[in-house]
Protein backbone atom coordinates (compact mmCIF):
# COMPACT_ATOMS: atom_id res chain seq x y z
CA ALA A 1 42.04 -38.38 23.35
CA LYS A 2 38.27 -37.99 24.35
CA LEU A 3 38.46 -34.38 24.32
CA LYS A 4 39.99 -34.43 20.66
CA SER A 5 37.30 -36.83 19.65
CA PHE A 6 34.53 -34.65 21.05
CA ALA A 7 36.31 -31.53 19.58
CA ALA A 8 36.02 -33.29 16.15
CA LYS A 9 32.43 -33.67 16.53
CA ILE A 10 31.72 -30.10 17.52
CA ILE A 11 33.63 -28.81 14.65
CA GLN A 12 31.61 -31.02 12.20
CA LEU A 13 28.35 -29.64 13.80
CA LEU A 14 29.51 -25.98 13.51
CA LYS A 15 30.99 -26.51 9.86
CA GLU A 16 27.58 -27.81 8.87
CA TRP A 17 25.56 -25.17 10.73
CA THR A 18 27.46 -22.29 9.30
CA GLU A 19 27.26 -23.54 5.74
CA THR A 20 23.63 -24.35 5.95
CA PHE A 21 22.28 -21.73 8.07
CA PRO A 22 24.84 -18.64 7.87
CA TYR A 23 22.23 -15.97 8.92
CA ASP A 24 22.22 -17.53 12.11
CA PHE A 25 25.64 -15.89 12.93
CA GLN A 26 24.82 -12.22 11.32
CA ASP A 27 24.40 -10.59 14.65
CA GLU A 28 27.44 -9.83 16.95
CA LYS A 29 26.01 -11.78 19.80
CA SER A 30 25.94 -15.11 17.92
CA MET A 31 29.34 -14.42 16.18
CA LYS A 32 30.83 -13.97 19.66
CA GLU A 33 29.56 -17.08 20.91
CA LEU A 34 30.93 -18.88 17.87
CA LYS A 35 34.31 -17.40 18.37
CA GLU A 36 34.30 -18.33 22.07
CA ILE A 37 33.41 -21.88 21.14
CA ALA A 38 36.15 -22.06 18.40
CA HIS A 39 38.77 -20.75 20.90
CA ARG A 40 37.97 -23.41 23.46
CA ILE A 41 38.09 -26.14 20.82
CA THR A 42 41.36 -24.92 19.36
CA GLN A 43 42.92 -25.39 23.02
CA CYS A 44 42.43 -29.21 22.62
CA ASP A 45 44.67 -29.40 19.88
CA GLU A 46 47.48 -27.01 20.37
CA GLU A 47 50.06 -29.24 19.41
CA ASN A 48 49.67 -29.57 15.72
CA GLY A 49 47.30 -26.67 14.88
CA THR A 50 45.05 -28.75 12.62
CA VAL A 51 42.02 -27.72 14.58
CA LYS A 52 42.90 -24.07 14.41
CA LYS A 53 43.20 -24.17 10.72
CA ILE A 54 39.76 -25.81 10.23
CA ILE A 55 38.26 -23.29 12.38
CA SER A 56 39.97 -20.47 10.71
CA GLN A 57 38.85 -21.66 7.35
CA MET A 58 34.97 -22.06 8.65
CA THR A 59 35.12 -18.72 9.97
CA GLN A 60 36.30 -17.30 6.71
CA ASN A 61 33.91 -19.21 4.66
CA LEU A 62 31.09 -17.76 6.86
CA LEU A 63 32.12 -14.23 6.73
CA MET A 64 32.52 -14.54 3.03
CA ALA A 65 29.03 -16.04 2.82
CA LEU A 66 27.43 -13.23 5.04
CA SER A 67 29.21 -10.65 2.94
CA ALA A 68 27.97 -12.07 -0.37
CA ARG A 69 24.28 -12.25 0.78
CA SER A 70 24.51 -8.77 2.10
CA GLN A 71 25.86 -7.62 -1.27
CA TYR A 72 23.23 -9.27 -3.16
CA GLN A 73 20.62 -7.80 -0.78
CA GLU A 74 22.08 -4.28 -1.70
CA ILE A 75 21.87 -4.79 -5.26
CA ARG A 76 18.40 -5.83 -5.25
CA GLU A 77 17.31 -2.97 -3.38
CA LYS A 78 18.95 -0.54 -5.86
CA PHE A 79 16.67 -2.12 -8.56
CA ARG A 80 13.54 -1.70 -6.60
CA GLN A 81 11.56 1.15 -8.15
CA PRO A 82 7.91 2.38 -7.81
CA ALA A 83 5.68 1.07 -10.50
CA THR A 84 4.86 4.88 -11.02
CA ASP A 85 8.24 5.95 -11.52
CA LYS A 86 8.66 3.21 -14.31
CA GLY A 87 5.60 4.43 -15.92
CA THR A 88 6.59 7.93 -16.23
CA ILE A 89 9.84 6.93 -17.55
CA LEU A 90 8.12 4.97 -20.42
CA LYS A 91 5.79 7.68 -21.05
CA THR A 92 8.53 10.66 -21.61
CA LYS A 93 10.32 8.43 -24.04
CA PRO A 94 9.75 8.79 -27.68
CA GLN A 95 7.71 5.97 -29.46
CA SER A 96 10.68 5.41 -31.75
CA THR A 97 13.26 4.74 -29.05
CA GLN A 98 10.93 2.17 -27.19
CA LYS A 99 12.37 -1.25 -28.36
CA ASP A 100 10.17 -4.16 -28.18
CA ILE A 101 11.55 -7.68 -27.22
CA LEU A 102 11.79 -8.82 -30.93
CA SER A 103 14.38 -6.22 -31.56
CA VAL A 104 16.47 -6.88 -28.85
CA CYS A 105 16.48 -10.86 -29.13
CA CYS A 106 14.41 -12.64 -31.94
CA ASP A 107 15.80 -16.02 -31.16
CA PRO A 108 13.39 -17.98 -28.68
CA LEU A 109 16.23 -20.32 -27.63
CA ILE A 110 18.68 -17.59 -26.68
CA LEU A 111 16.18 -15.82 -24.71
CA ALA A 112 14.94 -19.05 -22.96
CA GLN A 113 18.53 -19.59 -22.11
CA GLN A 114 19.03 -16.10 -20.92
CA LEU A 115 15.87 -16.46 -18.60
CA THR A 116 17.20 -19.76 -17.20
CA TYR A 117 20.54 -17.95 -16.37
CA ILE A 118 18.33 -15.40 -14.35
CA GLU A 119 16.49 -18.38 -12.76
CA LEU A 120 19.63 -20.20 -11.72
CA GLU A 121 21.05 -17.01 -10.12
CA ARG A 122 17.85 -16.57 -8.21
CA VAL A 123 17.86 -20.11 -7.01
CA SER A 124 21.35 -20.11 -6.05
CA ASN A 125 20.60 -17.51 -3.35
CA ILE A 126 17.76 -19.50 -1.68
CA TYR A 127 19.06 -21.40 1.32
CA PRO A 128 17.23 -23.91 3.65
CA GLU A 129 16.87 -20.88 6.23
CA ASP A 130 14.69 -19.08 3.88
CA LEU A 131 12.43 -22.17 3.62
CA MET A 132 12.69 -22.62 7.57
CA GLN A 133 11.57 -18.90 8.18
CA ILE A 134 8.57 -19.24 6.02
CA VAL A 135 7.40 -22.45 8.06
CA SER A 136 8.12 -20.58 11.20
CA HIS A 137 6.18 -17.59 10.30
CA MET A 138 3.29 -19.70 9.08
CA ASP A 139 3.28 -21.89 12.50
CA SER A 140 3.35 -18.59 14.39
CA LEU A 141 0.31 -17.33 12.44
CA ASP A 142 -1.63 -20.70 13.02
CA ASN A 143 -0.98 -20.29 16.72
CA HIS A 144 -2.22 -16.70 16.55
CA LYS A 145 1.06 -15.43 17.87
CA CYS A 146 3.18 -12.39 16.63
CA ARG A 147 6.75 -12.70 15.54
CA SER A 148 8.96 -10.29 17.49
CA ASP A 149 11.93 -10.99 15.14
CA VAL A 150 12.31 -9.13 11.69
CA THR A 151 12.33 -11.06 8.54
CA LYS A 152 15.85 -11.55 7.68
CA THR A 153 15.90 -13.24 4.35
CA TYR A 154 14.39 -11.87 1.24
CA ASN A 155 15.52 -14.27 -1.32
CA LEU A 156 12.17 -16.36 -1.67
CA GLU A 157 10.56 -12.88 -1.95
CA ALA A 158 13.02 -12.11 -4.78
CA TYR A 159 12.28 -15.16 -6.59
CA ASP A 160 8.48 -14.70 -6.41
CA ASN A 161 8.79 -11.08 -7.66
CA TRP A 162 10.92 -12.17 -10.70
CA PHE A 163 8.14 -14.61 -11.46
CA ASN A 164 5.48 -11.78 -11.48
CA CYS A 165 7.84 -9.44 -13.29
CA LEU A 166 8.63 -11.99 -16.24
CA SER A 167 4.67 -12.53 -16.40
CA MET A 168 4.04 -8.60 -16.62
CA LEU A 169 6.78 -8.34 -19.05
CA VAL A 170 5.16 -10.79 -21.41
CA ALA A 171 1.97 -9.23 -21.09
CA THR A 172 3.24 -5.69 -21.70
CA GLU A 173 5.08 -6.89 -24.87
CA ILE A 174 1.84 -8.30 -26.31
CA CYS A 175 -0.32 -5.59 -25.37
CA ARG A 176 1.80 -2.68 -26.34
CA VAL A 177 1.75 -3.72 -30.09
CA VAL A 178 -1.08 -2.14 -31.89
CA LYS A 179 -1.34 -4.15 -35.07
CA LYS A 180 -3.04 -7.56 -34.82
CA LYS A 181 -0.69 -9.23 -37.17
CA GLN A 182 2.33 -8.06 -34.89
CA ARG A 183 0.66 -9.08 -31.76
CA THR A 184 -0.09 -12.60 -33.20
CA ARG A 185 3.64 -12.60 -34.13
CA MET A 186 4.64 -11.67 -30.68
CA VAL A 187 2.27 -14.30 -29.13
CA GLU A 188 3.84 -16.92 -31.18
CA PHE A 189 7.25 -15.99 -30.11
CA PHE A 190 6.57 -16.19 -26.51
CA ILE A 191 4.88 -19.64 -27.19
CA ASP A 192 8.29 -20.68 -28.74
CA VAL A 193 10.31 -19.17 -25.74
CA ALA A 194 7.97 -21.16 -23.39
CA ARG A 195 8.66 -24.15 -25.44
CA GLU A 196 12.36 -23.82 -25.25
CA CYS A 197 11.99 -23.25 -21.44
CA PHE A 198 10.25 -26.43 -21.27
CA ASN A 199 13.16 -28.40 -23.18
CA ILE A 200 15.88 -26.80 -21.13
CA GLY A 201 13.95 -27.66 -17.78
CA ASN A 202 13.10 -24.25 -16.83
CA PHE A 203 9.52 -24.77 -15.86
CA ASN A 204 9.27 -21.62 -13.55
CA SER A 205 9.96 -19.24 -16.65
CA MET A 206 7.70 -21.48 -18.66
CA MET A 207 4.68 -20.99 -16.27
CA ALA A 208 5.50 -17.31 -15.82
CA ILE A 209 5.15 -16.79 -19.60
CA ILE A 210 1.83 -18.94 -19.87
């Protein structure tokens, strides 16, 4: 009875650990240790197999989380391009084929909503471990220590990069317009987009536009 009670507490601990900090189990050594602990726990409840089902579901969820985050990282890496390459592409395109933002979306509310979707997608991939890693890194800098481990999470960096990209997009769209009247219209458009972002509660995009 004591073993079953203890096993239930260990399962709860492992469940919360794997859900909150899945990247702790991305290397083979930690995954092997998790499987060994799980195997020992399942032996405490071989009669009805309830513990085995819970452990199996926990392991499956962990593998899915690691796989999803790995795919997300791969997709982000594909979209990374040097700034020089983008500039070259823009120069080689004829002026007539270079569309401005108003020709793509002239409704401030729709653009604000699309920006919010992007914000939510970026935020949903930020986990507590990302914040913990930043704190750990800052502590090591304060203590003049060198961190031997390589940064494993990139989601905060991706979110920060998105903020900078949006700011640059707004500045580019305004500055590329030659006529003052059209430029004024572009500035007013982005002011309206920022206002709609504020109304939605998307303050990050609002600040990037400002």
